[in-house]
Protein backbone atom coordinates (compact mmCIF):
# COMPACT_ATOMS: atom_id res chain seq x y z
CA MET A 1 -0.06 0.20 -0.05
CA SER A 2 2.95 2.48 0.95
CA THR A 3 4.49 1.64 -2.41
CA HIS A 4 1.38 2.57 -4.44
CA HIS A 5 0.97 5.75 -2.24
CA HIS A 6 4.58 6.71 -2.96
CA SER A 7 4.40 6.07 -6.76
CA HIS A 8 1.20 8.07 -6.79
CA GLU A 9 2.98 11.15 -5.18
CA GLU A 10 5.88 10.81 -7.54
CA SER A 11 3.35 10.75 -10.58
CA SER A 12 1.85 14.00 -9.17
CA TRP A 13 5.51 15.56 -8.77
CA GLY A 14 5.89 14.78 -12.36
CA LYS A 15 2.67 16.64 -13.33
CA ARG A 16 3.77 19.57 -11.47
CA LEU A 17 7.16 19.73 -12.83
CA VAL A 18 5.75 19.56 -16.41
CA VAL A 19 3.54 22.91 -15.27
CA SER A 20 6.59 24.47 -13.67
CA MET A 21 8.49 23.82 -16.95
CA ILE A 22 6.10 25.50 -19.25
CA MET A 23 5.92 28.41 -17.04
CA ASN A 24 9.65 28.59 -16.79
CA LEU A 25 9.91 28.81 -20.55
CA ILE A 26 7.17 31.48 -21.15
CA ILE A 27 8.31 33.80 -18.41
CA PRO A 28 12.02 34.11 -19.32
CA ALA A 29 11.23 34.78 -22.82
CA VAL A 30 8.83 37.72 -21.71
CA GLN A 31 11.57 38.84 -19.18
CA ILE A 32 14.44 38.79 -21.84
CA TYR A 33 12.36 40.74 -24.40
CA GLY A 34 11.21 43.24 -21.57
CA GLY A 35 14.92 43.66 -20.50
CA ILE A 36 16.21 44.45 -24.10
CA ILE A 37 13.48 47.18 -24.63
CA SER A 38 13.79 48.65 -21.02
CA GLY A 39 17.72 48.47 -21.21
CA SER A 40 17.82 46.55 -17.48
CA MET A 41 20.55 44.02 -17.12
CA ALA A 42 18.92 42.94 -13.93
CA LEU A 43 15.73 41.72 -15.71
CA ILE A 44 17.94 39.93 -18.29
CA SER A 45 19.86 38.17 -15.32
CA ASP A 46 16.44 37.16 -13.70
CA ALA A 47 15.43 35.76 -17.22
CA LEU A 48 18.55 33.55 -17.65
CA HIS A 49 18.27 32.49 -13.95
CA ASN A 50 14.44 31.47 -14.86
CA LEU A 51 15.60 29.77 -18.46
CA SER A 52 18.50 27.92 -16.57
CA ASP A 53 15.81 26.76 -14.42
CA PHE A 54 13.57 25.31 -17.30
CA ILE A 55 16.64 23.30 -18.46
CA ALA A 56 17.24 22.19 -14.94
CA LEU A 57 13.46 21.11 -14.73
CA ILE A 58 13.84 19.26 -17.72
CA ILE A 59 16.72 17.24 -16.67
CA ASN A 60 14.76 17.07 -13.34
CA TYR A 61 11.98 15.49 -14.99
CA ALA A 62 13.72 13.21 -17.01
CA ALA A 63 15.68 11.77 -14.05
CA LEU A 64 12.33 11.38 -12.26
CA LEU A 65 11.08 9.35 -14.88
CA LEU A 66 14.10 7.23 -15.12
CA GLY A 67 14.20 6.73 -11.59
CA ARG A 68 11.00 5.05 -11.47
CA HIS A 69 12.43 2.03 -13.43
CA GLY A 70 13.00 -0.86 -10.98
CA PRO A 71 16.47 -2.79 -10.50
CA THR A 72 17.88 -4.77 -13.44
CA TYR A 73 20.79 -7.43 -13.55
CA GLN A 74 23.01 -4.48 -14.76
CA GLN A 75 21.75 -1.81 -12.34
CA THR A 76 20.96 -3.89 -9.28
CA PHE A 77 19.91 -0.54 -7.28
CA GLY A 78 17.63 0.63 -10.10
CA TYR A 79 18.12 3.93 -11.66
CA LYS A 80 17.32 6.28 -8.67
CA ARG A 81 20.83 7.61 -8.57
CA VAL A 82 20.29 9.26 -12.07
CA GLU A 83 18.60 12.12 -9.75
CA ILE A 84 21.96 12.69 -8.20
CA PHE A 85 23.52 13.09 -11.74
CA ALA A 86 20.72 15.38 -12.71
CA THR A 87 20.95 17.61 -9.66
CA LEU A 88 24.96 17.88 -10.42
CA ILE A 89 24.13 18.87 -14.25
CA SER A 90 21.59 21.46 -12.80
CA VAL A 91 24.06 22.96 -10.56
CA GLY A 92 26.70 23.19 -13.35
CA LEU A 93 24.11 25.05 -15.46
CA LEU A 94 23.46 27.45 -12.89
CA TYR A 95 27.04 28.26 -12.48
CA GLY A 96 27.69 28.71 -15.97
CA THR A 97 24.65 31.13 -16.26
CA GLY A 98 26.22 33.07 -13.31
CA PHE A 99 29.53 33.43 -14.92
CA TYR A 100 27.84 34.85 -17.98
CA ILE A 101 25.71 37.48 -15.93
CA ALA A 102 28.72 38.42 -14.03
CA ILE A 103 30.68 39.29 -17.21
CA GLU A 104 27.94 41.48 -18.74
CA ALA A 105 26.98 43.12 -15.47
CA TRP A 106 30.60 44.35 -15.40
CA TYR A 107 30.36 45.93 -18.76
CA ARG A 108 26.96 47.45 -17.56
CA PHE A 109 28.75 48.76 -14.49
CA LEU A 110 31.50 50.62 -16.70
CA ASN A 111 29.08 52.13 -19.04
CA PRO A 112 25.61 52.57 -16.98
CA GLN A 113 22.40 52.92 -19.50
CA PRO A 114 19.08 54.51 -18.73
CA ILE A 115 16.40 52.07 -17.90
CA THR A 116 12.53 52.14 -18.25
CA GLY A 117 11.60 51.76 -14.46
CA GLN A 118 7.78 51.18 -15.23
CA LEU A 119 8.47 48.08 -17.84
CA VAL A 120 10.63 46.54 -15.35
CA ILE A 121 8.31 46.77 -12.48
CA TRP A 122 5.58 45.04 -14.60
CA ILE A 123 7.66 42.25 -16.22
CA ALA A 124 9.53 41.37 -12.76
CA LEU A 125 6.17 41.03 -11.14
CA LEU A 126 4.98 38.56 -13.79
CA GLY A 127 8.19 36.65 -12.92
CA PHE A 128 7.32 36.54 -9.21
CA ALA A 129 3.85 35.51 -9.76
CA GLY A 130 5.07 32.72 -11.91
CA ASN A 131 7.90 31.56 -9.73
CA ILE A 132 5.71 31.69 -6.53
CA ILE A 133 3.12 29.35 -8.04
CA SER A 134 5.75 26.84 -9.24
CA ALA A 135 7.35 27.02 -5.91
CA LEU A 136 4.13 26.23 -4.14
CA MET A 137 3.51 23.29 -6.32
CA LEU A 138 6.73 21.85 -5.79
CA HIS A 139 6.99 22.34 -2.14
CA ALA A 140 5.58 18.92 -0.90
CA GLY A 141 8.11 17.01 -3.00
CA SER A 142 10.89 19.03 -1.80
CA LYS A 143 10.68 17.53 1.62
CA VAL A 144 11.40 13.98 0.45
CA ASN A 145 13.31 14.27 -2.84
CA LEU A 146 16.58 15.84 -3.57
CA ASN A 147 15.67 16.34 -7.11
CA MET A 148 12.41 18.22 -6.27
CA LYS A 149 14.17 20.04 -3.36
CA SER A 150 16.69 21.37 -6.15
CA ALA A 151 13.67 22.60 -8.52
CA PHE A 152 11.86 24.02 -5.50
CA LEU A 153 15.06 26.11 -4.16
CA HIS A 154 15.33 27.32 -7.79
CA MET A 155 11.83 28.61 -7.89
CA LEU A 156 12.16 30.28 -4.60
CA SER A 157 15.06 32.17 -5.31
CA ASP A 158 13.88 33.16 -8.66
CA ALA A 159 10.69 34.45 -7.12
CA ALA A 160 13.05 36.40 -4.58
CA THR A 161 15.10 37.94 -7.50
CA SER A 162 11.93 38.80 -9.48
CA LEU A 163 10.44 40.71 -6.43
CA VAL A 164 13.74 42.77 -5.94
CA VAL A 165 13.87 43.60 -9.68
CA ALA A 166 10.40 45.07 -9.49
CA LEU A 167 11.63 47.14 -6.38
CA LEU A 168 14.49 48.44 -8.55
CA GLY A 169 11.95 49.49 -11.21
CA VAL A 170 10.25 51.44 -8.60
CA ILE A 171 13.66 53.25 -7.51
CA TRP A 172 14.23 54.03 -11.17
CA LEU A 173 10.94 55.67 -11.53
CA TYR A 174 12.29 58.44 -9.43
CA LYS A 175 16.17 58.26 -9.17
CA PRO A 176 18.43 57.70 -12.20
CA TRP A 177 20.59 55.10 -9.99
CA PHE A 178 21.11 52.78 -12.78
CA TRP A 179 24.46 51.41 -11.28
CA LEU A 180 22.02 49.57 -8.98
CA ASP A 181 21.29 47.11 -12.23
CA PRO A 182 24.79 45.47 -12.58
CA VAL A 183 25.22 45.66 -8.76
CA PHE A 184 21.91 43.49 -8.35
CA SER A 185 22.79 41.34 -11.10
CA TRP A 186 26.05 40.26 -9.18
CA LEU A 187 23.90 39.75 -6.24
CA ILE A 188 22.04 37.11 -8.33
CA VAL A 189 25.20 35.44 -9.20
CA GLY A 190 25.98 35.28 -5.41
CA MET A 191 22.70 33.80 -4.64
CA ILE A 192 23.22 31.12 -7.65
CA LEU A 193 26.70 30.26 -6.29
CA PHE A 194 25.18 29.71 -2.60
CA GLY A 195 22.16 28.04 -3.65
CA GLY A 196 24.16 25.72 -5.81
CA TRP A 197 26.80 24.73 -3.18
CA GLY A 198 24.65 22.61 -0.60
CA LEU A 199 23.25 20.66 -3.38
CA LEU A 200 26.63 20.05 -5.02
CA LYS A 201 28.10 18.99 -1.72
CA ASP A 202 24.96 16.41 -0.98
CA SER A 203 25.35 14.98 -4.51
CA ILE A 204 29.02 14.35 -4.32
CA LEU A 205 28.61 12.70 -0.72
CA ILE A 206 26.16 10.44 -2.11
CA LEU A 207 28.28 9.66 -5.09
CA MET A 208 31.06 8.90 -2.90
CA ASN A 209 28.97 6.54 -0.77
CA ALA A 210 29.75 8.62 2.11
CA THR A 211 28.07 7.73 5.41
CA PRO A 212 24.49 9.77 5.38
CA PRO A 213 24.52 13.00 7.45
CA GLY A 214 23.09 12.25 10.93
CA ILE A 215 24.35 8.51 11.16
CA ASP A 216 27.01 7.63 13.72
CA LEU A 217 28.46 3.98 12.93
CA ARG A 218 29.42 3.77 16.76
CA ASP A 219 25.73 4.26 17.51
CA ILE A 220 24.80 1.51 15.14
CA GLN A 221 27.52 -0.64 16.73
CA LYS A 222 26.38 0.00 20.54
CA SER A 223 22.43 -0.71 19.51
CA LEU A 224 23.21 -3.91 17.45
CA GLU A 225 25.95 -5.54 20.02
CA SER A 226 23.58 -4.74 23.14
CA LEU A 227 21.18 -7.36 21.34
CA LYS A 228 21.17 -10.70 23.08
CA GLY A 229 22.91 -13.12 20.83
CA VAL A 230 25.20 -10.77 19.00
CA LYS A 231 28.77 -11.11 20.07
CA GLU A 232 30.12 -8.38 17.75
CA ILE A 233 29.77 -6.60 14.64
CA HIS A 234 32.37 -5.55 11.97
CA ASP A 235 32.93 -4.58 8.36
CA LEU A 236 30.33 -2.07 8.69
CA HIS A 237 29.14 0.14 5.63
CA VAL A 238 26.26 2.57 5.49
CA TRP A 239 25.62 4.68 2.31
CA ASN A 240 22.88 6.25 0.16
CA PRO A 241 21.85 4.16 -2.90
CA SER A 242 19.68 7.30 -3.83
CA ALA A 243 18.77 10.44 -1.84
CA GLU A 244 15.92 8.75 -0.21
CA ASN A 245 17.09 5.51 0.79
CA ILE A 246 19.86 4.27 3.35
CA ALA A 247 21.86 0.89 2.60
CA LEU A 248 23.78 -1.09 5.25
CA ALA A 249 26.08 -4.08 4.89
CA VAL A 250 27.49 -5.61 7.96
CA HIS A 251 28.95 -8.71 9.55
CA ILE A 252 27.36 -10.19 12.53
CA THR A 253 29.32 -12.60 14.86
CA VAL A 254 26.96 -15.10 16.80
CA PRO A 255 27.46 -18.23 18.76
CA ASP A 256 27.80 -21.34 16.55
CA GLN A 257 24.17 -22.46 15.89
CA MET A 258 21.58 -23.49 13.22
CA LEU A 259 21.18 -21.23 10.55
CA SER A 260 17.44 -20.90 11.14
CA SER A 261 17.94 -19.89 14.71
CA VAL A 262 19.26 -16.53 13.55
CA ASN A 263 15.98 -15.61 11.54
CA ASP A 264 14.35 -14.05 14.68
CA LEU A 265 17.75 -12.10 15.56
CA ALA A 266 17.87 -10.95 11.94
CA GLU A 267 14.28 -9.52 12.15
CA LYS A 268 15.40 -7.43 15.49
CA VAL A 269 18.40 -6.22 13.72
CA ARG A 270 16.30 -4.84 10.80
CA THR A 271 13.78 -3.36 13.27
CA ILE A 272 16.38 -1.35 15.14
CA LEU A 273 17.98 -0.36 11.91
CA PHE A 274 14.88 0.95 10.45
CA ASP A 275 13.22 2.40 13.37
CA LYS A 276 16.27 4.13 14.99
CA PHE A 277 18.47 4.96 11.89
CA LYS A 278 15.71 4.92 8.94
CA ILE A 279 17.98 2.06 7.18
CA ASP A 280 15.62 0.44 4.72
CA HIS A 281 18.07 -1.67 2.86
CA PRO A 282 20.09 -3.77 5.26
CA ILE A 283 22.36 -6.59 3.94
CA LEU A 284 23.23 -8.88 7.05
CA GLN A 285 26.01 -11.71 7.10
CA PHE A 286 25.84 -13.65 10.04
CA GLU A 287 29.05 -15.85 10.95
CA SER A 288 30.47 -17.72 14.10
CA ASN A 289 34.16 -16.77 13.71
CA SER A 290 35.18 -13.12 13.34
CA CYS A 291 37.66 -12.30 10.49
CA ASP A 292 39.73 -9.14 9.91
CA ASN A 293 40.27 -8.73 13.63
CA ALA A 294 36.63 -7.84 13.95
CA LYS A 295 37.17 -4.33 13.01
CA LEU A 296 34.22 -1.90 12.62
CA LEU A 297 35.69 -0.71 9.56
CA CYS A 298 37.46 -2.89 6.91
CA SER A 299 40.03 -1.56 4.39
CA VAL A 300 39.50 -2.77 0.94
CA VAL A 301 42.79 -4.31 -0.05
CA LYS A 302 43.94 -6.45 -2.72
CA HIS A 303 44.40 -9.78 -1.00
CA ASP A 304 47.60 -11.99 -1.42
CA HIS A 305 46.61 -15.34 -2.30
CA LYS A 306 49.93 -17.02 -2.19
CA HIS A 307 49.04 -18.79 0.95
CA LEU A 308 46.20 -20.73 -1.15
CA HIS A 309 48.40 -22.57 -3.26
């Protein structure tokens, strides 16, 4: 039942992403046109930020569709990790856009140009409305899916930039402070760099199979070794196969016994791992003799097989 509910939610996110994509294609087109006519680089920057989001949303949507495919003999964890690559590409796109905006803004700073404030206000408010609607549609999915979080944060930062561009338009109605145009363009670049860094870091940690944030391996060791029938645990690995799942592999040393006797113990281990650490994909290896000096972490080394001959 929960699987059906989860797939229904993902389908709903997919539809919302499509609506956001359409809006993020129309709005930047209007903003670029308005930016050229009014002479505002900030409006063009905002449009390019929106347009990079359109491309990022296409990547996110494709990743969401691919991520639904189950495991295969070649991809035993399925395709969920495609979403992580999509997030990395999105961040790369945003950073590229930021670099372009920074250079263009520098030319404008050296040669300030007059700007039509009223046109800037109306077009920026159109962008603000579109981005707020998109952000509200993607908010629910952003809590459980790194990809949707990426799209949601893009929409939110776009809404904020559009609002400030509208405020700049109000200033230009009364004051010829046209230097504010490139300065605010640089602030947009700062937001792009800052917003992308967290996603970049999370994605790289997942690709490195790092221990997920908030999980302490010694806590897992303590919890499992406190169970009756567990002598010790070693060779412990915890990682994210995808942004939403946590996997674990561990060797558990138990007294010598019939294999069927460890079934109850295995169930207790799985319950503790899920309830306490949200680990939903445990791989457990029970044994009666400890190998590798029973170290909690094992080093992956090339073994010398000479002693076998």
